[in-house]
Amino acid sequence: MILKTHPSARVDLKRSSGGVFEITVDGRLAYSKKATGQFPTDEQVQSTLG
């Protein structure tokens, strides 16, 4: 989904535990499932990319 709208984006998956899901953009935390307690919607993921 991210690469469809942002083909030059670098997308990495880092293994974790405990249900942690975080999105970082240019080194800054843009979304944290750990902080919100909710998995992001497609719209929330897109909004993190600007």
PDB file of N, CA and C in Angstrom:
ATOM      1  N   MET A   1       0.825  -1.189   0.000  1.00  0.00           N
ATOM      2  CA  MET A   1       0.000   0.000   0.000  1.00  0.00           C
ATOM      3  C   MET A   1       0.873   1.259   0.000  1.00  0.00           C
ATOM      4  N   ILE A   2       1.870   1.314   0.855  1.00  0.00           N
ATOM      5  CA  ILE A   2       2.727   2.497   0.932  1.00  0.00           C
ATOM      6  C   ILE A   2       3.465   2.710  -0.378  1.00  0.00           C
ATOM      7  N   LEU A   3       4.018   1.642  -0.938  1.00  0.00           N
ATOM      8  CA  LEU A   3       4.803   1.787  -2.164  1.00  0.00           C
ATOM      9  C   LEU A   3       3.956   2.142  -3.375  1.00  0.00           C
ATOM     10  N   LYS A   4       2.653   1.851  -3.340  1.00  0.00           N
ATOM     11  CA  LYS A   4       1.782   2.249  -4.452  1.00  0.00           C
ATOM     12  C   LYS A   4       1.683   3.761  -4.549  1.00  0.00           C
ATOM     13  N   THR A   5       1.583   4.435  -3.406  1.00  0.00           N
ATOM     14  CA  THR A   5       1.430   5.886  -3.418  1.00  0.00           C
ATOM     15  C   THR A   5       2.744   6.631  -3.215  1.00  0.00           C
ATOM     16  N   HIS A   6       3.758   5.943  -2.696  1.00  0.00           N
ATOM     17  CA  HIS A   6       5.078   6.542  -2.470  1.00  0.00           C
ATOM     18  C   HIS A   6       6.155   5.567  -2.941  1.00  0.00           C
ATOM     19  N   PRO A   7       6.302   5.414  -4.271  1.00  0.00           N
ATOM     20  CA  PRO A   7       7.201   4.386  -4.809  1.00  0.00           C
ATOM     21  C   PRO A   7       8.660   4.537  -4.404  1.00  0.00           C
ATOM     22  N   SER A   8       9.087   5.706  -4.009  1.00  0.00           N
ATOM     23  CA  SER A   8      10.491   5.882  -3.616  1.00  0.00           C
ATOM     24  C   SER A   8      10.711   5.682  -2.120  1.00  0.00           C
ATOM     25  N   ALA A   9       9.661   5.336  -1.387  1.00  0.00           N
ATOM     26  CA  ALA A   9       9.781   5.141   0.060  1.00  0.00           C
ATOM     27  C   ALA A   9      10.616   3.906   0.362  1.00  0.00           C
ATOM     28  N   ARG A  10      11.326   3.952   1.463  1.00  0.00           N
ATOM     29  CA  ARG A  10      12.047   2.777   1.948  1.00  0.00           C
ATOM     30  C   ARG A  10      11.206   2.180   3.061  1.00  0.00           C
ATOM     31  N   VAL A  11      10.783   0.954   2.877  1.00  0.00           N
ATOM     32  CA  VAL A  11       9.916   0.280   3.838  1.00  0.00           C
ATOM     33  C   VAL A  11      10.669  -0.903   4.410  1.00  0.00           C
ATOM     34  N   ASP A  12      10.832  -0.931   5.721  1.00  0.00           N
ATOM     35  CA  ASP A  12      11.515  -2.024   6.405  1.00  0.00           C
ATOM     36  C   ASP A  12      10.587  -2.607   7.455  1.00  0.00           C
ATOM     37  N   LEU A  13      10.640  -3.913   7.618  1.00  0.00           N
ATOM     38  CA  LEU A  13       9.904  -4.585   8.675  1.00  0.00           C
ATOM     39  C   LEU A  13      10.919  -5.072   9.689  1.00  0.00           C
ATOM     40  N   LYS A  14      10.744  -4.651  10.928  1.00  0.00           N
ATOM     41  CA  LYS A  14      11.656  -5.058  11.991  1.00  0.00           C
ATOM     42  C   LYS A  14      10.896  -5.952  12.962  1.00  0.00           C
ATOM     43  N   ARG A  15      11.433  -7.098  13.203  1.00  0.00           N
ATOM     44  CA  ARG A  15      10.814  -8.060  14.106  1.00  0.00           C
ATOM     45  C   ARG A  15      10.778  -7.496  15.526  1.00  0.00           C
ATOM     46  N   SER A  16       9.664  -7.734  16.198  1.00  0.00           N
ATOM     47  CA  SER A  16       9.487  -7.258  17.567  1.00  0.00           C
ATOM     48  C   SER A  16       8.618  -8.264  18.301  1.00  0.00           C
ATOM     49  N   SER A  17       8.232  -7.925  19.502  1.00  0.00           N
ATOM     50  CA  SER A  17       7.362  -8.814  20.279  1.00  0.00           C
ATOM     51  C   SER A  17       6.373  -7.976  21.067  1.00  0.00           C
ATOM     52  N   GLY A  18       5.371  -8.635  21.602  1.00  0.00           N
ATOM     53  CA  GLY A  18       4.417  -7.938  22.461  1.00  0.00           C
ATOM     54  C   GLY A  18       3.389  -7.110  21.721  1.00  0.00           C
ATOM     55  N   GLY A  19       3.198  -7.334  20.423  1.00  0.00           N
ATOM     56  CA  GLY A  19       2.193  -6.587  19.682  1.00  0.00           C
ATOM     57  C   GLY A  19       2.586  -5.163  19.333  1.00  0.00           C
ATOM     58  N   VAL A  20       3.866  -4.851  19.399  1.00  0.00           N
ATOM     59  CA  VAL A  20       4.334  -3.502  19.089  1.00  0.00           C
ATOM     60  C   VAL A  20       4.298  -3.300  17.576  1.00  0.00           C
ATOM     61  N   PHE A  21       3.709  -2.192  17.136  1.00  0.00           N
ATOM     62  CA  PHE A  21       3.670  -1.817  15.722  1.00  0.00           C
ATOM     63  C   PHE A  21       3.903  -0.328  15.667  1.00  0.00           C
ATOM     64  N   GLU A  22       5.004   0.091  15.069  1.00  0.00           N
ATOM     65  CA  GLU A  22       5.322   1.511  14.995  1.00  0.00           C
ATOM     66  C   GLU A  22       5.734   1.879  13.573  1.00  0.00           C
ATOM     67  N   ILE A  23       5.371   3.076  13.174  1.00  0.00           N
ATOM     68  CA  ILE A  23       5.751   3.616  11.868  1.00  0.00           C
ATOM     69  C   ILE A  23       6.673   4.802  12.129  1.00  0.00           C
ATOM     70  N   THR A  24       7.844   4.754  11.524  1.00  0.00           N
ATOM     71  CA  THR A  24       8.748   5.903  11.605  1.00  0.00           C
ATOM     72  C   THR A  24       8.933   6.469  10.201  1.00  0.00           C
ATOM     73  N   VAL A  25       9.005   7.777  10.115  1.00  0.00           N
ATOM     74  CA  VAL A  25       9.215   8.477   8.847  1.00  0.00           C
ATOM     75  C   VAL A  25      10.398   9.405   9.041  1.00  0.00           C
ATOM     76  N   ASP A  26      11.421   9.219   8.223  1.00  0.00           N
ATOM     77  CA  ASP A  26      12.646  10.026   8.321  1.00  0.00           C
ATOM     78  C   ASP A  26      13.188  10.051   9.750  1.00  0.00           C
ATOM     79  N   GLY A  27      13.155   8.896  10.396  1.00  0.00           N
ATOM     80  CA  GLY A  27      13.722   8.779  11.735  1.00  0.00           C
ATOM     81  C   GLY A  27      12.844   9.245  12.880  1.00  0.00           C
ATOM     82  N   ARG A  28      11.645   9.743  12.578  1.00  0.00           N
ATOM     83  CA  ARG A  28      10.759  10.197  13.661  1.00  0.00           C
ATOM     84  C   ARG A  28       9.562   9.260  13.775  1.00  0.00           C
ATOM     85  N   LEU A  29       9.130   9.024  14.992  1.00  0.00           N
ATOM     86  CA  LEU A  29       7.985   8.158  15.230  1.00  0.00           C
ATOM     87  C   LEU A  29       6.725   8.862  14.752  1.00  0.00           C
ATOM     88  N   ALA A  30       6.009   8.230  13.810  1.00  0.00           N
ATOM     89  CA  ALA A  30       4.808   8.832  13.242  1.00  0.00           C
ATOM     90  C   ALA A  30       3.537   8.152  13.741  1.00  0.00           C
ATOM     91  N   TYR A  31       3.627   6.878  14.129  1.00  0.00           N
ATOM     92  CA  TYR A  31       2.457   6.175  14.672  1.00  0.00           C
ATOM     93  C   TYR A  31       2.950   5.050  15.562  1.00  0.00           C
ATOM     94  N   SER A  32       2.285   4.852  16.682  1.00  0.00           N
ATOM     95  CA  SER A  32       2.647   3.782  17.598  1.00  0.00           C
ATOM     96  C   SER A  32       1.403   3.047  18.082  1.00  0.00           C
ATOM     97  N   LYS A  33       1.286   1.779  17.703  1.00  0.00           N
ATOM     98  CA  LYS A  33       0.200   0.945  18.215  1.00  0.00           C
ATOM     99  C   LYS A  33       0.392   0.740  19.714  1.00  0.00           C
ATOM    100  N   LYS A  34       1.637   0.681  20.142  1.00  0.00           N
ATOM    101  CA  LYS A  34       1.919   0.525  21.576  1.00  0.00           C
ATOM    102  C   LYS A  34       1.343   1.699  22.366  1.00  0.00           C
ATOM    103  N   ALA A  35       1.453   2.902  21.829  1.00  0.00           N
ATOM    104  CA  ALA A  35       0.951   4.094  22.518  1.00  0.00           C
ATOM    105  C   ALA A  35      -0.567   4.230  22.418  1.00  0.00           C
ATOM    106  N   THR A  36      -1.146   3.878  21.247  1.00  0.00           N
ATOM    107  CA  THR A  36      -2.581   4.084  21.048  1.00  0.00           C
ATOM    108  C   THR A  36      -3.423   2.874  21.425  1.00  0.00           C
ATOM    109  N   GLY A  37      -2.787   1.689  21.408  1.00  0.00           N
ATOM    110  CA  GLY A  37      -3.530   0.463  21.696  1.00  0.00           C
ATOM    111  C   GLY A  37      -4.355  -0.022  20.515  1.00  0.00           C
ATOM    112  N   GLN A  38      -4.210   0.639  19.360  1.00  0.00           N
ATOM    113  CA  GLN A  38      -4.990   0.287  18.175  1.00  0.00           C
ATOM    114  C   GLN A  38      -4.083   0.151  16.964  1.00  0.00           C
ATOM    115  N   PHE A  39      -4.413  -0.833  16.103  1.00  0.00           N
ATOM    116  CA  PHE A  39      -3.709  -0.974  14.838  1.00  0.00           C
ATOM    117  C   PHE A  39      -4.172   0.158  13.926  1.00  0.00           C
ATOM    118  N   PRO A  40      -3.271   0.786  13.158  1.00  0.00           N
ATOM    119  CA  PRO A  40      -3.677   1.932  12.339  1.00  0.00           C
ATOM    120  C   PRO A  40      -4.543   1.524  11.150  1.00  0.00           C
ATOM    121  N   THR A  41      -5.438   2.412  10.769  1.00  0.00           N
ATOM    122  CA  THR A  41      -6.221   2.228   9.545  1.00  0.00           C
ATOM    123  C   THR A  41      -5.338   2.589   8.349  1.00  0.00           C
ATOM    124  N   ASP A  42      -5.786   2.242   7.154  1.00  0.00           N
ATOM    125  CA  ASP A  42      -5.052   2.635   5.946  1.00  0.00           C
ATOM    126  C   ASP A  42      -4.885   4.143   5.885  1.00  0.00           C
ATOM    127  N   GLU A  43      -5.927   4.871   6.257  1.00  0.00           N
ATOM    128  CA  GLU A  43      -5.874   6.330   6.213  1.00  0.00           C
ATOM    129  C   GLU A  43      -4.845   6.872   7.195  1.00  0.00           C
ATOM    130  N   GLN A  44      -4.735   6.285   8.380  1.00  0.00           N
ATOM    131  CA  GLN A  44      -3.747   6.739   9.350  1.00  0.00           C
ATOM    132  C   GLN A  44      -2.325   6.477   8.844  1.00  0.00           C
ATOM    133  N   VAL A  45      -2.123   5.333   8.202  1.00  0.00           N
ATOM    134  CA  VAL A  45      -0.806   5.037   7.642  1.00  0.00           C
ATOM    135  C   VAL A  45      -0.459   6.060   6.564  1.00  0.00           C
ATOM    136  N   GLN A  46      -1.392   6.341   5.667  1.00  0.00           N
ATOM    137  CA  GLN A  46      -1.142   7.308   4.599  1.00  0.00           C
ATOM    138  C   GLN A  46      -0.863   8.700   5.166  1.00  0.00           C
ATOM    139  N   SER A  47      -1.571   9.079   6.221  1.00  0.00           N
ATOM    140  CA  SER A  47      -1.376  10.425   6.781  1.00  0.00           C
ATOM    141  C   SER A  47       0.002  10.573   7.429  1.00  0.00           C
ATOM    142  N   THR A  48       0.611   9.463   7.867  1.00  0.00           N
ATOM    143  CA  THR A  48       1.951   9.558   8.438  1.00  0.00           C
ATOM    144  C   THR A  48       2.996   9.890   7.393  1.00  0.00           C
ATOM    145  N   LEU A  49       2.650   9.656   6.125  1.00  0.00           N
ATOM    146  CA  LEU A  49       3.614   9.869   5.044  1.00  0.00           C
ATOM    147  C   LEU A  49       3.545  11.255   4.440  1.00  0.00           C
ATOM    148  N   GLY A  50       2.539  12.011   4.812  1.00  0.00           N
ATOM    149  CA  GLY A  50       2.429  13.380   4.353  1.00  0.00           C
ATOM    150  C   GLY A  50       1.868  13.582   3.033  1.00  0.00           C
TER     151      GLY A  50
END
